Amino acid sequence: MSHDRFTSVWDALEDTPQEAENLRLRSALMMALKDHLTQAGLTQAQAAKQLGVTQPRVSDLLRGKIQLFSLDTLVNMAASAGLHIELHLRHAA
């Protein structure tokens, strides 16, 4: 059994720091979108219309199918939902 230490779950899941960071950002965007849709009380069909996607895409989002979404797609969906994304950069630990 390996006892490697990782700074985050994303580092443990991905092979490179770049892939881990991409996954971390996609996860944050997906959670923010899910929270927004839940708080708005929208049906999946209403959410799809607001986000400019199909209802099955909303279902994939709500079910956390992260592998199906790129950063670009999630940024576009957030903007369509009226969410503003702020970017803060800092040196890695």
N, C-alpha and C. Protein backbone atom coordinates (compact mmCIF):
# COMPACT_ATOMS: atom_id res chain seq x y z
N MET A 1 0.84 -1.17 0.00
CA MET A 1 0.00 0.00 0.00
C MET A 1 0.88 1.24 0.00
N SER A 2 0.60 2.18 -0.87
CA SER A 2 1.36 3.41 -0.97
C SER A 2 0.89 4.41 0.08
N HIS A 3 1.84 5.15 0.62
CA HIS A 3 1.51 6.18 1.62
C HIS A 3 1.91 7.55 1.11
N ASP A 4 1.72 7.78 -0.19
CA ASP A 4 2.03 9.08 -0.76
C ASP A 4 1.15 10.15 -0.12
N ARG A 5 1.71 11.35 0.02
CA ARG A 5 0.96 12.48 0.55
C ARG A 5 0.68 13.44 -0.59
N PHE A 6 -0.53 13.91 -0.67
CA PHE A 6 -0.93 14.85 -1.72
C PHE A 6 -1.47 16.10 -1.05
N THR A 7 -1.28 17.23 -1.73
CA THR A 7 -1.80 18.48 -1.19
C THR A 7 -3.30 18.58 -1.34
N SER A 8 -3.86 17.89 -2.30
CA SER A 8 -5.31 17.90 -2.49
C SER A 8 -5.76 16.59 -3.11
N VAL A 9 -7.05 16.36 -3.06
CA VAL A 9 -7.61 15.17 -3.68
C VAL A 9 -7.35 15.21 -5.19
N TRP A 10 -7.36 16.41 -5.77
CA TRP A 10 -7.14 16.55 -7.22
C TRP A 10 -5.74 16.09 -7.59
N ASP A 11 -4.76 16.39 -6.74
CA ASP A 11 -3.38 15.94 -6.99
C ASP A 11 -3.30 14.42 -6.96
N ALA A 12 -4.09 13.81 -6.11
CA ALA A 12 -4.08 12.34 -6.01
C ALA A 12 -4.74 11.70 -7.23
N LEU A 13 -5.72 12.39 -7.81
CA LEU A 13 -6.47 11.82 -8.93
C LEU A 13 -5.79 12.01 -10.28
N GLU A 14 -5.02 13.07 -10.42
CA GLU A 14 -4.44 13.40 -11.72
C GLU A 14 -2.94 13.18 -11.74
N ASP A 15 -2.40 13.01 -12.94
CA ASP A 15 -0.98 12.71 -13.10
C ASP A 15 -0.09 13.94 -13.06
N THR A 16 -0.64 15.09 -13.43
CA THR A 16 0.18 16.31 -13.48
C THR A 16 -0.48 17.43 -12.67
N PRO A 17 0.30 18.40 -12.23
CA PRO A 17 -0.27 19.56 -11.52
C PRO A 17 -1.26 20.32 -12.42
N GLN A 18 -1.00 20.35 -13.71
CA GLN A 18 -1.88 21.05 -14.64
C GLN A 18 -3.25 20.39 -14.69
N GLU A 19 -3.28 19.07 -14.79
CA GLU A 19 -4.54 18.33 -14.82
C GLU A 19 -5.28 18.48 -13.50
N ALA A 20 -4.55 18.45 -12.38
CA ALA A 20 -5.18 18.59 -11.07
C ALA A 20 -5.81 19.98 -10.92
N GLU A 21 -5.13 21.01 -11.37
CA GLU A 21 -5.66 22.36 -11.27
C GLU A 21 -6.90 22.53 -12.14
N ASN A 22 -6.86 21.97 -13.33
CA ASN A 22 -8.01 22.03 -14.23
C ASN A 22 -9.22 21.35 -13.58
N LEU A 23 -9.01 20.21 -12.99
CA LEU A 23 -10.08 19.47 -12.33
C LEU A 23 -10.62 20.25 -11.14
N ARG A 24 -9.74 20.88 -10.38
CA ARG A 24 -10.16 21.66 -9.22
C ARG A 24 -11.05 22.83 -9.65
N LEU A 25 -10.66 23.52 -10.71
CA LEU A 25 -11.45 24.65 -11.20
C LEU A 25 -12.79 24.20 -11.77
N ARG A 26 -12.78 23.12 -12.50
CA ARG A 26 -14.05 22.61 -13.04
C ARG A 26 -14.99 22.21 -11.90
N SER A 27 -14.46 21.57 -10.87
CA SER A 27 -15.27 21.18 -9.73
C SER A 27 -15.89 22.40 -9.05
N ALA A 28 -15.10 23.44 -8.85
CA ALA A 28 -15.60 24.65 -8.19
C ALA A 28 -16.73 25.28 -9.02
N LEU A 29 -16.55 25.33 -10.32
CA LEU A 29 -17.58 25.90 -11.19
C LEU A 29 -18.85 25.04 -11.18
N MET A 30 -18.68 23.75 -11.22
CA MET A 30 -19.85 22.86 -11.19
C MET A 30 -20.62 23.01 -9.89
N MET A 31 -19.92 23.10 -8.78
CA MET A 31 -20.60 23.25 -7.49
C MET A 31 -21.33 24.59 -7.42
N ALA A 32 -20.71 25.64 -7.93
CA ALA A 32 -21.35 26.96 -7.92
C ALA A 32 -22.61 26.95 -8.79
N LEU A 33 -22.52 26.33 -9.95
CA LEU A 33 -23.69 26.24 -10.83
C LEU A 33 -24.81 25.41 -10.18
N LYS A 34 -24.45 24.31 -9.60
CA LYS A 34 -25.45 23.46 -8.94
C LYS A 34 -26.12 24.23 -7.81
N ASP A 35 -25.34 24.94 -7.00
CA ASP A 35 -25.90 25.74 -5.91
C ASP A 35 -26.85 26.80 -6.46
N HIS A 36 -26.43 27.47 -7.53
CA HIS A 36 -27.27 28.51 -8.14
C HIS A 36 -28.60 27.94 -8.61
N LEU A 37 -28.55 26.82 -9.31
CA LEU A 37 -29.78 26.21 -9.84
C LEU A 37 -30.69 25.72 -8.72
N THR A 38 -30.10 25.17 -7.67
CA THR A 38 -30.88 24.69 -6.53
C THR A 38 -31.56 25.86 -5.82
N GLN A 39 -30.80 26.92 -5.57
CA GLN A 39 -31.36 28.09 -4.88
C GLN A 39 -32.44 28.77 -5.73
N ALA A 40 -32.27 28.76 -7.04
CA ALA A 40 -33.26 29.39 -7.93
C ALA A 40 -34.53 28.54 -8.04
N GLY A 41 -34.46 27.27 -7.64
CA GLY A 41 -35.62 26.39 -7.69
C GLY A 41 -36.08 26.08 -9.10
N LEU A 42 -35.15 26.08 -10.03
CA LEU A 42 -35.49 25.82 -11.43
C LEU A 42 -35.63 24.33 -11.71
N THR A 43 -36.54 23.99 -12.59
CA THR A 43 -36.58 22.62 -13.10
C THR A 43 -35.37 22.44 -14.02
N GLN A 44 -35.07 21.20 -14.35
CA GLN A 44 -33.96 20.97 -15.28
C GLN A 44 -34.24 21.60 -16.64
N ALA A 45 -35.49 21.57 -17.08
CA ALA A 45 -35.84 22.19 -18.36
C ALA A 45 -35.65 23.71 -18.30
N GLN A 46 -36.08 24.34 -17.21
CA GLN A 46 -35.89 25.78 -17.05
C GLN A 46 -34.41 26.13 -16.97
N ALA A 47 -33.66 25.33 -16.23
CA ALA A 47 -32.21 25.55 -16.10
C ALA A 47 -31.53 25.42 -17.46
N ALA A 48 -31.93 24.44 -18.24
CA ALA A 48 -31.34 24.23 -19.56
C ALA A 48 -31.57 25.46 -20.44
N LYS A 49 -32.77 26.01 -20.39
CA LYS A 49 -33.08 27.19 -21.18
C LYS A 49 -32.21 28.37 -20.74
N GLN A 50 -32.11 28.57 -19.43
CA GLN A 50 -31.30 29.66 -18.90
C GLN A 50 -29.82 29.51 -19.28
N LEU A 51 -29.32 28.29 -19.22
CA LEU A 51 -27.90 28.04 -19.47
C LEU A 51 -27.57 27.88 -20.95
N GLY A 52 -28.59 27.74 -21.77
CA GLY A 52 -28.35 27.56 -23.20
C GLY A 52 -27.85 26.18 -23.57
N VAL A 53 -28.28 25.19 -22.79
CA VAL A 53 -27.87 23.80 -23.05
C VAL A 53 -29.12 22.92 -23.05
N THR A 54 -28.93 21.64 -23.27
CA THR A 54 -30.05 20.70 -23.24
C THR A 54 -30.32 20.23 -21.81
N GLN A 55 -31.50 19.68 -21.60
CA GLN A 55 -31.84 19.16 -20.27
C GLN A 55 -30.90 18.02 -19.86
N PRO A 56 -30.51 17.11 -20.79
CA PRO A 56 -29.56 16.07 -20.38
C PRO A 56 -28.21 16.65 -19.90
N ARG A 57 -27.80 17.79 -20.47
CA ARG A 57 -26.55 18.43 -20.01
C ARG A 57 -26.72 18.94 -18.58
N VAL A 58 -27.89 19.49 -18.27
CA VAL A 58 -28.15 19.95 -16.91
C VAL A 58 -28.13 18.75 -15.96
N SER A 59 -28.73 17.64 -16.37
CA SER A 59 -28.71 16.43 -15.57
C SER A 59 -27.27 15.98 -15.30
N ASP A 60 -26.43 16.00 -16.34
CA ASP A 60 -25.02 15.62 -16.18
C ASP A 60 -24.33 16.54 -15.18
N LEU A 61 -24.63 17.83 -15.26
CA LEU A 61 -24.04 18.82 -14.34
C LEU A 61 -24.47 18.52 -12.91
N LEU A 62 -25.75 18.34 -12.70
CA LEU A 62 -26.28 18.10 -11.36
C LEU A 62 -25.82 16.78 -10.78
N ARG A 63 -25.51 15.83 -11.62
CA ARG A 63 -25.02 14.52 -11.17
C ARG A 63 -23.51 14.49 -11.02
N GLY A 64 -22.86 15.64 -11.28
CA GLY A 64 -21.42 15.74 -11.04
C GLY A 64 -20.54 15.03 -12.05
N LYS A 65 -21.00 14.88 -13.27
CA LYS A 65 -20.21 14.18 -14.29
C LYS A 65 -19.14 15.13 -14.85
N ILE A 66 -18.15 15.38 -14.04
CA ILE A 66 -17.12 16.38 -14.32
C ILE A 66 -16.35 16.11 -15.60
N GLN A 67 -16.18 14.84 -15.94
CA GLN A 67 -15.42 14.48 -17.14
C GLN A 67 -16.09 14.96 -18.42
N LEU A 68 -17.37 15.31 -18.35
CA LEU A 68 -18.12 15.73 -19.53
C LEU A 68 -18.08 17.24 -19.78
N PHE A 69 -17.41 17.99 -18.89
CA PHE A 69 -17.43 19.45 -18.99
C PHE A 69 -16.02 20.03 -19.04
N SER A 70 -15.81 20.91 -20.01
CA SER A 70 -14.55 21.64 -20.09
C SER A 70 -14.67 22.93 -19.29
N LEU A 71 -13.54 23.55 -18.99
CA LEU A 71 -13.57 24.85 -18.32
C LEU A 71 -14.35 25.87 -19.15
N ASP A 72 -14.11 25.89 -20.45
CA ASP A 72 -14.80 26.84 -21.33
C ASP A 72 -16.32 26.67 -21.22
N THR A 73 -16.78 25.44 -21.28
CA THR A 73 -18.22 25.18 -21.21
C THR A 73 -18.79 25.66 -19.88
N LEU A 74 -18.10 25.38 -18.80
CA LEU A 74 -18.59 25.77 -17.48
C LEU A 74 -18.59 27.29 -17.30
N VAL A 75 -17.57 27.96 -17.83
CA VAL A 75 -17.53 29.42 -17.77
C VAL A 75 -18.71 30.00 -18.55
N ASN A 76 -18.97 29.46 -19.72
CA ASN A 76 -20.10 29.93 -20.53
C ASN A 76 -21.42 29.69 -19.82
N MET A 77 -21.57 28.54 -19.18
CA MET A 77 -22.80 28.24 -18.47
C MET A 77 -22.98 29.19 -17.28
N ALA A 78 -21.91 29.47 -16.56
CA ALA A 78 -21.98 30.38 -15.42
C ALA A 78 -22.38 31.78 -15.88
N ALA A 79 -21.79 32.25 -16.96
CA ALA A 79 -22.13 33.57 -17.49
C ALA A 79 -23.60 33.60 -17.93
N SER A 80 -24.06 32.54 -18.55
CA SER A 80 -25.47 32.46 -18.97
C SER A 80 -26.41 32.48 -17.78
N ALA A 81 -25.94 31.98 -16.65
CA ALA A 81 -26.75 31.95 -15.42
C ALA A 81 -26.70 33.30 -14.70
N GLY A 82 -25.92 34.23 -15.22
CA GLY A 82 -25.80 35.54 -14.58
C GLY A 82 -24.80 35.56 -13.45
N LEU A 83 -23.94 34.57 -13.41
CA LEU A 83 -22.90 34.51 -12.38
C LEU A 83 -21.64 35.20 -12.88
N HIS A 84 -20.95 35.86 -11.98
CA HIS A 84 -19.68 36.53 -12.30
C HIS A 84 -18.56 35.70 -11.70
N ILE A 85 -17.56 35.40 -12.50
CA ILE A 85 -16.42 34.60 -12.04
C ILE A 85 -15.25 35.54 -11.77
N GLU A 86 -14.67 35.41 -10.61
CA GLU A 86 -13.47 36.17 -10.28
C GLU A 86 -12.30 35.21 -10.23
N LEU A 87 -11.17 35.64 -10.73
CA LEU A 87 -9.97 34.82 -10.78
C LEU A 87 -8.92 35.41 -9.87
N HIS A 88 -8.41 34.58 -8.97
CA HIS A 88 -7.34 34.99 -8.06
C HIS A 88 -6.20 34.00 -8.25
N LEU A 89 -5.03 34.50 -8.52
CA LEU A 89 -3.87 33.65 -8.69
C LEU A 89 -2.94 33.81 -7.50
N ARG A 90 -2.34 32.71 -7.09
CA ARG A 90 -1.34 32.73 -6.03
C ARG A 90 -0.33 31.65 -6.31
N HIS A 91 0.79 31.72 -5.68
CA HIS A 91 1.81 30.71 -5.87
C HIS A 91 1.36 29.39 -5.25
N ALA A 92 1.67 28.30 -5.93
CA ALA A 92 1.30 26.98 -5.45
C ALA A 92 2.08 26.69 -4.15
N ALA A 93 1.48 25.88 -3.31
CA ALA A 93 2.12 25.52 -2.03
C ALA A 93 3.36 24.71 -2.25
